[in-house]
Amino acid sequence: MKLFAAPALCLCLLLIAACADTAPTEPGISITDANTTVEANVEGMDCTGCSGGICSALKEVDGVADAHADHKTGKLVVALNDDADAAAAAKEIETVVAGLSKGKYTISGVEVVTKDEAEEKAPADDETPADDEDTSAADHQHHEGGAVYTVTGMTCETCSGKVTEAVTALDCVESAYVCHKSGTCTVTAAEGHDICSKSVAKAVEDAGFKVTDEETKDDSQSDAGQADAVYTVAGMTCETCSGKVTEAVTALDCVESAYVCHKSGTCTVTAAEGHEVCSKSVAKAVEDAGFEVTE
């Protein structure tokens, strides 16, 4: 018995020493404990496998302590170590997500958020959070001068991201603030342009949603410089196309100006003083330019 006792004791001591060497010295920083996080929206996640794969990949990024992705809402939150370069980490996170699964995922709205900023945005414990309508009204104050549209069908930040991307792609739009909670889209016109509500509505529809605000259904008179008519033009694919249509339509005596957007496929025409826009003349001019008025 004594012969076997000594080797067994040595083996136990060796196992204890090995476990001590490999044990973690300190737990990593969690999402809630992190002083700095990177937040973003990710499209393309359709299951827990997608979100888990993204988190696993991001945890290998230098400076990342933890990551959480929600495939239902499309929300991504990444916790950074205190000594991490936040700007560099944010860029690397964006690159890693975009490169996963052969480009399956689309990442947008990447933002570095500090704990102090998050606490400032959060309501105090003794305050009652405002209703969605009150919150949206406060948000719109930061976007004064923009046209506000009511959008139905949005249920999450991924939805609002799709609407934002679609609307800001319009030539006449400088920026768009979309809130899925209040169901609103606040649009600011690009310099030298007026917002064409029909173009905005079509962009929203192409994104899978719908503009329902009654005040914007028939406001072509107030958009694009008191426009007399808005035409749908088929066949335009680039700015060169819209330039050709613009040149052809503005050459008409009855036309003061024309705003043409190849992305929305619209031509907004303002009549010259003392004239009325002749739709047949506009259609003929568009046809001569190599395109077609379809509506």
Foldseek 3Di string as FASTA:
>chain_A
DVVPVVVVVVVVVVVVVVCVVPDDPDAFADLVRAQKKKKWFKPQQDDVVLQVVLFVQLCPQPQWRGKGADSVQRIIMTGGDPPDDQVVSLVVSQVRSCPPPNRSMHIDPIDMDGPVNVVVPDDDPPDDDDDPVVVVVVVCVVVPPWDKWAKPDQDHPVLQVLLQVLQCVWQQFDGWDADSRRRMITTDTDPPAWDQLVLSQLSNVVSPIGTDPPVSPPCLCVTGPRFDDKFAKPDQDDPVLQVLLQVLQCVDQQFPGWDAISSSRMITTHTDPPHDDDPVSSQVSNVVSPIGTDD
